[in-house]
ModelCIF file with pLDDT and N, C-alpha, C, O atoms, coordinates in Angstrom:
data_MODEL
#
_entry.id   MODEL 
#
_entity.id                         1 
_entity.type                       polymer 
_entity.pdbx_number_of_molecules   1 
#
_entity_poly.entity_id                      1 
_entity_poly.type                           'polypeptide(L)' 
_entity_poly.nstd_linkage                   no 
_entity_poly.nstd_monomer                   no 
_entity_poly.pdbx_seq_one_letter_code       KSDLSQMTANEAVKTLRFWALWGMLFINVTCGIAIIS 
_entity_poly.pdbx_seq_one_letter_code_can   KSDLSQMTANEAVKTLRFWALWGMLFINVTCGIAIIS 
_entity_poly.pdbx_strand_id                 A 
#
loop_
_entity_poly_seq.entity_id 
_entity_poly_seq.num 
_entity_poly_seq.mon_id 
_entity_poly_seq.hetero 
1 1  LYS n 
1 2  SER n 
1 3  ASP n 
1 4  LEU n 
1 5  SER n 
1 6  GLN n 
1 7  MET n 
1 8  THR n 
1 9  ALA n 
1 10 ASN n 
1 11 GLU n 
1 12 ALA n 
1 13 VAL n 
1 14 LYS n 
1 15 THR n 
1 16 LEU n 
1 17 ARG n 
1 18 PHE n 
1 19 TRP n 
1 20 ALA n 
1 21 LEU n 
1 22 TRP n 
1 23 GLY n 
1 24 MET n 
1 25 LEU n 
1 26 PHE n 
1 27 ILE n 
1 28 ASN n 
1 29 VAL n 
1 30 THR n 
1 31 CYS n 
1 32 GLY n 
1 33 ILE n 
1 34 ALA n 
1 35 ILE n 
1 36 ILE n 
1 37 SER n 
#
_struct_asym.id          A 
_struct_asym.entity_id   1 
#
loop_
_ma_qa_metric.id 
_ma_qa_metric.mode 
_ma_qa_metric.name 
_ma_qa_metric.software_group_id 
_ma_qa_metric.type 
1 global pLDDT . pLDDT 
2 local  pLDDT . pLDDT 
#
_ma_qa_metric_global.metric_id      1 
_ma_qa_metric_global.metric_value   87.68 
_ma_qa_metric_global.model_id       1 
_ma_qa_metric_global.ordinal_id     1 
#
loop_
_ma_qa_metric_local.label_asym_id 
_ma_qa_metric_local.label_comp_id 
_ma_qa_metric_local.label_seq_id 
_ma_qa_metric_local.metric_id 
_ma_qa_metric_local.metric_value 
_ma_qa_metric_local.model_id 
_ma_qa_metric_local.ordinal_id 
A LYS 1  2 54.00 1 1  
A SER 2  2 72.00 1 2  
A ASP 3  2 80.00 1 3  
A LEU 4  2 82.00 1 4  
A SER 5  2 83.00 1 5  
A GLN 6  2 87.00 1 6  
A MET 7  2 91.00 1 7  
A THR 8  2 88.00 1 8  
A ALA 9  2 88.00 1 9  
A ASN 10 2 90.00 1 10 
A GLU 11 2 92.00 1 11 
A ALA 12 2 92.00 1 12 
A VAL 13 2 92.00 1 13 
A LYS 14 2 93.00 1 14 
A THR 15 2 92.00 1 15 
A LEU 16 2 92.00 1 16 
A ARG 17 2 92.00 1 17 
A PHE 18 2 95.00 1 18 
A TRP 19 2 95.00 1 19 
A ALA 20 2 95.00 1 20 
A LEU 21 2 95.00 1 21 
A TRP 22 2 96.00 1 22 
A GLY 23 2 95.00 1 23 
A MET 24 2 95.00 1 24 
A LEU 25 2 94.00 1 25 
A PHE 26 2 94.00 1 26 
A ILE 27 2 93.00 1 27 
A ASN 28 2 93.00 1 28 
A VAL 29 2 90.00 1 29 
A THR 30 2 88.00 1 30 
A CYS 31 2 87.00 1 31 
A GLY 32 2 86.00 1 32 
A ILE 33 2 82.00 1 33 
A ALA 34 2 78.00 1 34 
A ILE 35 2 81.00 1 35 
A ILE 36 2 79.00 1 36 
A SER 37 2 73.00 1 37 
#
loop_
_atom_site.group_PDB 
_atom_site.id 
_atom_site.type_symbol 
_atom_site.label_atom_id 
_atom_site.label_alt_id 
_atom_site.label_comp_id 
_atom_site.label_asym_id 
_atom_site.label_entity_id 
_atom_site.label_seq_id 
_atom_site.pdbx_PDB_ins_code 
_atom_site.Cartn_x 
_atom_site.Cartn_y 
_atom_site.Cartn_z 
_atom_site.occupancy 
_atom_site.B_iso_or_equiv 
_atom_site.pdbx_formal_charge 
_atom_site.auth_seq_id 
_atom_site.auth_comp_id 
_atom_site.auth_asym_id 
_atom_site.auth_atom_id 
_atom_site.pdbx_PDB_model_num 
ATOM 1   N N  . LYS A 1 1  ? 81.376  76.165  127.162 1.00 54.00 ? 1  LYS A N  1 
ATOM 2   C CA . LYS A 1 1  ? 80.971  74.894  126.547 1.00 54.00 ? 1  LYS A CA 1 
ATOM 3   C C  . LYS A 1 1  ? 80.711  75.084  125.052 1.00 54.00 ? 1  LYS A C  1 
ATOM 4   O O  . LYS A 1 1  ? 80.918  74.164  124.260 1.00 54.00 ? 1  LYS A O  1 
ATOM 5   N N  . SER A 1 2  ? 80.255  76.284  124.670 1.00 72.00 ? 2  SER A N  1 
ATOM 6   C CA . SER A 1 2  ? 79.908  76.497  123.263 1.00 72.00 ? 2  SER A CA 1 
ATOM 7   C C  . SER A 1 2  ? 81.126  76.817  122.392 1.00 72.00 ? 2  SER A C  1 
ATOM 8   O O  . SER A 1 2  ? 80.974  77.028  121.189 1.00 72.00 ? 2  SER A O  1 
ATOM 9   N N  . ASP A 1 3  ? 82.349  76.859  122.979 1.00 80.00 ? 3  ASP A N  1 
ATOM 10  C CA . ASP A 1 3  ? 83.544  76.982  122.151 1.00 80.00 ? 3  ASP A CA 1 
ATOM 11  C C  . ASP A 1 3  ? 83.555  75.809  121.173 1.00 80.00 ? 3  ASP A C  1 
ATOM 12  O O  . ASP A 1 3  ? 83.156  74.696  121.514 1.00 80.00 ? 3  ASP A O  1 
ATOM 13  N N  . LEU A 1 4  ? 84.011  76.072  119.972 1.00 82.00 ? 4  LEU A N  1 
ATOM 14  C CA . LEU A 1 4  ? 83.943  75.059  118.910 1.00 82.00 ? 4  LEU A CA 1 
ATOM 15  C C  . LEU A 1 4  ? 84.705  73.797  119.293 1.00 82.00 ? 4  LEU A C  1 
ATOM 16  O O  . LEU A 1 4  ? 84.253  72.685  119.019 1.00 82.00 ? 4  LEU A O  1 
ATOM 17  N N  . SER A 1 5  ? 85.861  73.970  119.925 1.00 83.00 ? 5  SER A N  1 
ATOM 18  C CA . SER A 1 5  ? 86.673  72.821  120.326 1.00 83.00 ? 5  SER A CA 1 
ATOM 19  C C  . SER A 1 5  ? 87.637  73.249  121.426 1.00 83.00 ? 5  SER A C  1 
ATOM 20  O O  . SER A 1 5  ? 87.790  74.443  121.680 1.00 83.00 ? 5  SER A O  1 
ATOM 21  N N  . GLN A 1 6  ? 88.283  72.300  122.075 1.00 87.00 ? 6  GLN A N  1 
ATOM 22  C CA . GLN A 1 6  ? 89.355  72.578  123.030 1.00 87.00 ? 6  GLN A CA 1 
ATOM 23  C C  . GLN A 1 6  ? 90.598  71.900  122.463 1.00 87.00 ? 6  GLN A C  1 
ATOM 24  O O  . GLN A 1 6  ? 90.752  70.682  122.561 1.00 87.00 ? 6  GLN A O  1 
ATOM 25  N N  . MET A 1 7  ? 91.480  72.699  121.869 1.00 91.00 ? 7  MET A N  1 
ATOM 26  C CA . MET A 1 7  ? 92.634  72.127  121.165 1.00 91.00 ? 7  MET A CA 1 
ATOM 27  C C  . MET A 1 7  ? 93.953  72.624  121.723 1.00 91.00 ? 7  MET A C  1 
ATOM 28  O O  . MET A 1 7  ? 94.033  73.710  122.296 1.00 91.00 ? 7  MET A O  1 
ATOM 29  N N  . THR A 1 8  ? 94.996  71.804  121.546 1.00 88.00 ? 8  THR A N  1 
ATOM 30  C CA . THR A 1 8  ? 96.354  72.276  121.828 1.00 88.00 ? 8  THR A CA 1 
ATOM 31  C C  . THR A 1 8  ? 96.813  73.080  120.613 1.00 88.00 ? 8  THR A C  1 
ATOM 32  O O  . THR A 1 8  ? 96.190  73.033  119.553 1.00 88.00 ? 8  THR A O  1 
ATOM 33  N N  . ALA A 1 9  ? 97.905  73.813  120.783 1.00 88.00 ? 9  ALA A N  1 
ATOM 34  C CA . ALA A 1 9  ? 98.413  74.644  119.675 1.00 88.00 ? 9  ALA A CA 1 
ATOM 35  C C  . ALA A 1 9  ? 98.796  73.779  118.480 1.00 88.00 ? 9  ALA A C  1 
ATOM 36  O O  . ALA A 1 9  ? 98.533  74.146  117.335 1.00 88.00 ? 9  ALA A O  1 
ATOM 37  N N  . ASN A 1 10 ? 99.422  72.623  118.748 1.00 90.00 ? 10 ASN A N  1 
ATOM 38  C CA . ASN A 1 10 ? 99.876  71.774  117.639 1.00 90.00 ? 10 ASN A CA 1 
ATOM 39  C C  . ASN A 1 10 ? 98.710  71.134  116.903 1.00 90.00 ? 10 ASN A C  1 
ATOM 40  O O  . ASN A 1 10 ? 98.820  70.830  115.715 1.00 90.00 ? 10 ASN A O  1 
ATOM 41  N N  . GLU A 1 11 ? 97.595  70.927  117.595 1.00 92.00 ? 11 GLU A N  1 
ATOM 42  C CA . GLU A 1 11 ? 96.387  70.424  116.913 1.00 92.00 ? 11 GLU A CA 1 
ATOM 43  C C  . GLU A 1 11 ? 95.745  71.541  116.087 1.00 92.00 ? 11 GLU A C  1 
ATOM 44  O O  . GLU A 1 11 ? 95.295  71.318  114.963 1.00 92.00 ? 11 GLU A O  1 
ATOM 45  N N  . ALA A 1 12 ? 95.712  72.747  116.666 1.00 92.00 ? 12 ALA A N  1 
ATOM 46  C CA . ALA A 1 12 ? 95.067  73.889  115.995 1.00 92.00 ? 12 ALA A CA 1 
ATOM 47  C C  . ALA A 1 12 ? 95.725  74.202  114.652 1.00 92.00 ? 12 ALA A C  1 
ATOM 48  O O  . ALA A 1 12 ? 95.046  74.515  113.674 1.00 92.00 ? 12 ALA A O  1 
ATOM 49  N N  . VAL A 1 13 ? 97.066  74.113  114.619 1.00 92.00 ? 13 VAL A N  1 
ATOM 50  C CA . VAL A 1 13 ? 97.833  74.450  113.406 1.00 92.00 ? 13 VAL A CA 1 
ATOM 51  C C  . VAL A 1 13 ? 97.454  73.552  112.227 1.00 92.00 ? 13 VAL A C  1 
ATOM 52  O O  . VAL A 1 13 ? 97.643  73.922  111.068 1.00 92.00 ? 13 VAL A O  1 
ATOM 53  N N  . LYS A 1 14 ? 96.924  72.384  112.532 1.00 93.00 ? 14 LYS A N  1 
ATOM 54  C CA . LYS A 1 14 ? 96.567  71.437  111.449 1.00 93.00 ? 14 LYS A CA 1 
ATOM 55  C C  . LYS A 1 14 ? 95.161  71.677  110.894 1.00 93.00 ? 14 LYS A C  1 
ATOM 56  O O  . LYS A 1 14 ? 94.721  70.962  109.993 1.00 93.00 ? 14 LYS A O  1 
ATOM 57  N N  . THR A 1 15 ? 94.455  72.677  111.426 1.00 92.00 ? 15 THR A N  1 
ATOM 58  C CA . THR A 1 15 ? 93.084  72.921  110.964 1.00 92.00 ? 15 THR A CA 1 
ATOM 59  C C  . THR A 1 15 ? 93.035  74.023  109.907 1.00 92.00 ? 15 THR A C  1 
ATOM 60  O O  . THR A 1 15 ? 93.891  74.907  109.859 1.00 92.00 ? 15 THR A O  1 
ATOM 61  N N  . LEU A 1 16 ? 92.017  73.943  109.073 1.00 92.00 ? 16 LEU A N  1 
ATOM 62  C CA . LEU A 1 16 ? 91.799  74.946  108.031 1.00 92.00 ? 16 LEU A CA 1 
ATOM 63  C C  . LEU A 1 16 ? 91.501  76.307  108.651 1.00 92.00 ? 16 LEU A C  1 
ATOM 64  O O  . LEU A 1 16 ? 91.952  77.333  108.143 1.00 92.00 ? 16 LEU A O  1 
ATOM 65  N N  . ARG A 1 17 ? 90.738  76.322  109.752 1.00 92.00 ? 17 ARG A N  1 
ATOM 66  C CA . ARG A 1 17 ? 90.339  77.612  110.319 1.00 92.00 ? 17 ARG A CA 1 
ATOM 67  C C  . ARG A 1 17 ? 91.501  78.370  110.952 1.00 92.00 ? 17 ARG A C  1 
ATOM 68  O O  . ARG A 1 17 ? 91.465  79.598  111.029 1.00 92.00 ? 17 ARG A O  1 
ATOM 69  N N  . PHE A 1 18 ? 92.549  77.646  111.412 1.00 95.00 ? 18 PHE A N  1 
ATOM 70  C CA . PHE A 1 18 ? 93.745  78.330  111.918 1.00 95.00 ? 18 PHE A CA 1 
ATOM 71  C C  . PHE A 1 18 ? 94.358  79.167  110.793 1.00 95.00 ? 18 PHE A C  1 
ATOM 72  O O  . PHE A 1 18 ? 94.672  80.343  110.972 1.00 95.00 ? 18 PHE A O  1 
ATOM 73  N N  . TRP A 1 19 ? 94.520  78.529  109.627 1.00 95.00 ? 19 TRP A N  1 
ATOM 74  C CA . TRP A 1 19 ? 95.177  79.230  108.506 1.00 95.00 ? 19 TRP A CA 1 
ATOM 75  C C  . TRP A 1 19 ? 94.278  80.310  107.923 1.00 95.00 ? 19 TRP A C  1 
ATOM 76  O O  . TRP A 1 19 ? 94.765  81.287  107.355 1.00 95.00 ? 19 TRP A O  1 
ATOM 77  N N  . ALA A 1 20 ? 92.957  80.137  108.063 1.00 95.00 ? 20 ALA A N  1 
ATOM 78  C CA . ALA A 1 20 ? 92.032  81.195  107.641 1.00 95.00 ? 20 ALA A CA 1 
ATOM 79  C C  . ALA A 1 20 ? 92.237  82.430  108.520 1.00 95.00 ? 20 ALA A C  1 
ATOM 80  O O  . ALA A 1 20 ? 92.298  83.553  108.020 1.00 95.00 ? 20 ALA A O  1 
ATOM 81  N N  . LEU A 1 21 ? 92.344  82.210  109.846 1.00 95.00 ? 21 LEU A N  1 
ATOM 82  C CA . LEU A 1 21 ? 92.605  83.343  110.771 1.00 95.00 ? 21 LEU A CA 1 
ATOM 83  C C  . LEU A 1 21 ? 93.935  83.994  110.440 1.00 95.00 ? 21 LEU A C  1 
ATOM 84  O O  . LEU A 1 21 ? 94.044  85.220  110.408 1.00 95.00 ? 21 LEU A O  1 
ATOM 85  N N  . TRP A 1 22 ? 94.962  83.158  110.192 1.00 96.00 ? 22 TRP A N  1 
ATOM 86  C CA . TRP A 1 22 ? 96.306  83.672  109.876 1.00 96.00 ? 22 TRP A CA 1 
ATOM 87  C C  . TRP A 1 22 ? 96.242  84.560  108.638 1.00 96.00 ? 22 TRP A C  1 
ATOM 88  O O  . TRP A 1 22 ? 96.787  85.664  108.620 1.00 96.00 ? 22 TRP A O  1 
ATOM 89  N N  . GLY A 1 23 ? 95.569  84.060  107.602 1.00 95.00 ? 23 GLY A N  1 
ATOM 90  C CA . GLY A 1 23 ? 95.464  84.809  106.335 1.00 95.00 ? 23 GLY A CA 1 
ATOM 91  C C  . GLY A 1 23 ? 94.724  86.129  106.500 1.00 95.00 ? 23 GLY A C  1 
ATOM 92  O O  . GLY A 1 23 ? 95.124  87.150  105.942 1.00 95.00 ? 23 GLY A O  1 
ATOM 93  N N  . MET A 1 24 ? 93.630  86.098  107.277 1.00 95.00 ? 24 MET A N  1 
ATOM 94  C CA . MET A 1 24 ? 92.852  87.326  107.491 1.00 95.00 ? 24 MET A CA 1 
ATOM 95  C C  . MET A 1 24 ? 93.684  88.376  108.235 1.00 95.00 ? 24 MET A C  1 
ATOM 96  O O  . MET A 1 24 ? 93.680  89.554  107.876 1.00 95.00 ? 24 MET A O  1 
ATOM 97  N N  . LEU A 1 25 ? 94.400  87.928  109.280 1.00 94.00 ? 25 LEU A N  1 
ATOM 98  C CA . LEU A 1 25 ? 95.226  88.873  110.038 1.00 94.00 ? 25 LEU A CA 1 
ATOM 99  C C  . LEU A 1 25 ? 96.359  89.420  109.165 1.00 94.00 ? 25 LEU A C  1 
ATOM 100 O O  . LEU A 1 25 ? 96.670  90.610  109.211 1.00 94.00 ? 25 LEU A O  1 
ATOM 101 N N  . PHE A 1 26 ? 96.974  88.534  108.366 1.00 94.00 ? 26 PHE A N  1 
ATOM 102 C CA . PHE A 1 26 ? 98.082  88.946  107.508 1.00 94.00 ? 26 PHE A CA 1 
ATOM 103 C C  . PHE A 1 26 ? 97.646  90.044  106.524 1.00 94.00 ? 26 PHE A C  1 
ATOM 104 O O  . PHE A 1 26 ? 98.332  91.054  106.369 1.00 94.00 ? 26 PHE A O  1 
ATOM 105 N N  . ILE A 1 27 ? 96.502  89.833  105.864 1.00 93.00 ? 27 ILE A N  1 
ATOM 106 C CA . ILE A 1 27 ? 96.014  90.830  104.882 1.00 93.00 ? 27 ILE A CA 1 
ATOM 107 C C  . ILE A 1 27 ? 95.651  92.133  105.585 1.00 93.00 ? 27 ILE A C  1 
ATOM 108 O O  . ILE A 1 27 ? 95.997  93.217  105.115 1.00 93.00 ? 27 ILE A O  1 
ATOM 109 N N  . ASN A 1 28 ? 94.949  92.022  106.721 1.00 93.00 ? 28 ASN A N  1 
ATOM 110 C CA . ASN A 1 28 ? 94.523  93.220  107.452 1.00 93.00 ? 28 ASN A CA 1 
ATOM 111 C C  . ASN A 1 28 ? 95.711  94.056  107.904 1.00 93.00 ? 28 ASN A C  1 
ATOM 112 O O  . ASN A 1 28 ? 95.697  95.282  107.791 1.00 93.00 ? 28 ASN A O  1 
ATOM 113 N N  . VAL A 1 29 ? 96.750  93.379  108.422 1.00 90.00 ? 29 VAL A N  1 
ATOM 114 C CA . VAL A 1 29 ? 97.920  94.087  108.948 1.00 90.00 ? 29 VAL A CA 1 
ATOM 115 C C  . VAL A 1 29 ? 98.806  94.611  107.817 1.00 90.00 ? 29 VAL A C  1 
ATOM 116 O O  . VAL A 1 29 ? 99.323  95.725  107.898 1.00 90.00 ? 29 VAL A O  1 
ATOM 117 N N  . THR A 1 30 ? 98.982  93.807  106.759 1.00 88.00 ? 30 THR A N  1 
ATOM 118 C CA . THR A 1 30 ? 99.824  94.260  105.630 1.00 88.00 ? 30 THR A CA 1 
ATOM 119 C C  . THR A 1 30 ? 99.295  95.575  105.055 1.00 88.00 ? 30 THR A C  1 
ATOM 120 O O  . THR A 1 30 ? 100.039 96.539  104.873 1.00 88.00 ? 30 THR A O  1 
ATOM 121 N N  . CYS A 1 31 ? 97.984  95.585  104.774 1.00 87.00 ? 31 CYS A N  1 
ATOM 122 C CA . CYS A 1 31 ? 97.392  96.785  104.173 1.00 87.00 ? 31 CYS A CA 1 
ATOM 123 C C  . CYS A 1 31 ? 97.362  97.942  105.164 1.00 87.00 ? 31 CYS A C  1 
ATOM 124 O O  . CYS A 1 31 ? 97.568  99.093  104.776 1.00 87.00 ? 31 CYS A O  1 
ATOM 125 N N  . GLY A 1 32 ? 97.107  97.651  106.442 1.00 86.00 ? 32 GLY A N  1 
ATOM 126 C CA . GLY A 1 32 ? 97.079  98.692  107.481 1.00 86.00 ? 32 GLY A CA 1 
ATOM 127 C C  . GLY A 1 32 ? 98.432  99.343  107.685 1.00 86.00 ? 32 GLY A C  1 
ATOM 128 O O  . GLY A 1 32 ? 98.548  100.568 107.723 1.00 86.00 ? 32 GLY A O  1 
ATOM 129 N N  . ILE A 1 33 ? 99.477  98.490  107.817 1.00 82.00 ? 33 ILE A N  1 
ATOM 130 C CA . ILE A 1 33 ? 100.841 99.016  108.018 1.00 82.00 ? 33 ILE A CA 1 
ATOM 131 C C  . ILE A 1 33 ? 101.270 99.827  106.796 1.00 82.00 ? 33 ILE A C  1 
ATOM 132 O O  . ILE A 1 33 ? 101.919 100.866 106.920 1.00 82.00 ? 33 ILE A O  1 
ATOM 133 N N  . ALA A 1 34 ? 100.892 99.331  105.609 1.00 78.00 ? 34 ALA A N  1 
ATOM 134 C CA . ALA A 1 34 ? 101.253 100.039 104.371 1.00 78.00 ? 34 ALA A CA 1 
ATOM 135 C C  . ALA A 1 34 ? 100.644 101.440 104.364 1.00 78.00 ? 34 ALA A C  1 
ATOM 136 O O  . ALA A 1 34 ? 101.315 102.410 104.011 1.00 78.00 ? 34 ALA A O  1 
ATOM 137 N N  . ILE A 1 35 ? 99.376  101.546 104.754 1.00 81.00 ? 35 ILE A N  1 
ATOM 138 C CA . ILE A 1 35 ? 98.701  102.856 104.807 1.00 81.00 ? 35 ILE A CA 1 
ATOM 139 C C  . ILE A 1 35 ? 99.373  103.757 105.842 1.00 81.00 ? 35 ILE A C  1 
ATOM 140 O O  . ILE A 1 35 ? 99.588  104.944 105.595 1.00 81.00 ? 35 ILE A O  1 
ATOM 141 N N  . ILE A 1 36 ? 99.705  103.181 107.013 1.00 79.00 ? 36 ILE A N  1 
ATOM 142 C CA . ILE A 1 36 ? 100.356 103.970 108.064 1.00 79.00 ? 36 ILE A CA 1 
ATOM 143 C C  . ILE A 1 36 ? 101.699 104.505 107.564 1.00 79.00 ? 36 ILE A C  1 
ATOM 144 O O  . ILE A 1 36 ? 102.070 105.645 107.841 1.00 79.00 ? 36 ILE A O  1 
ATOM 145 N N  . SER A 1 37 ? 102.430 103.647 106.811 1.00 73.00 ? 37 SER A N  1 
ATOM 146 C CA . SER A 1 37 ? 103.786 104.049 106.411 1.00 73.00 ? 37 SER A CA 1 
ATOM 147 C C  . SER A 1 37 ? 103.811 105.134 105.328 1.00 73.00 ? 37 SER A C  1 
ATOM 148 O O  . SER A 1 37 ? 104.886 105.559 104.905 1.00 73.00 ? 37 SER A O  1 
#
């Protein structure tokens, strides 16, 4: 019940927090993969 919302994927993509998660994962993985390589 305490989940922030119950959304479909197409609704989620229109939110600011979706793109915030995307950006955080992108930076974390880009720098991580670069270090590994």
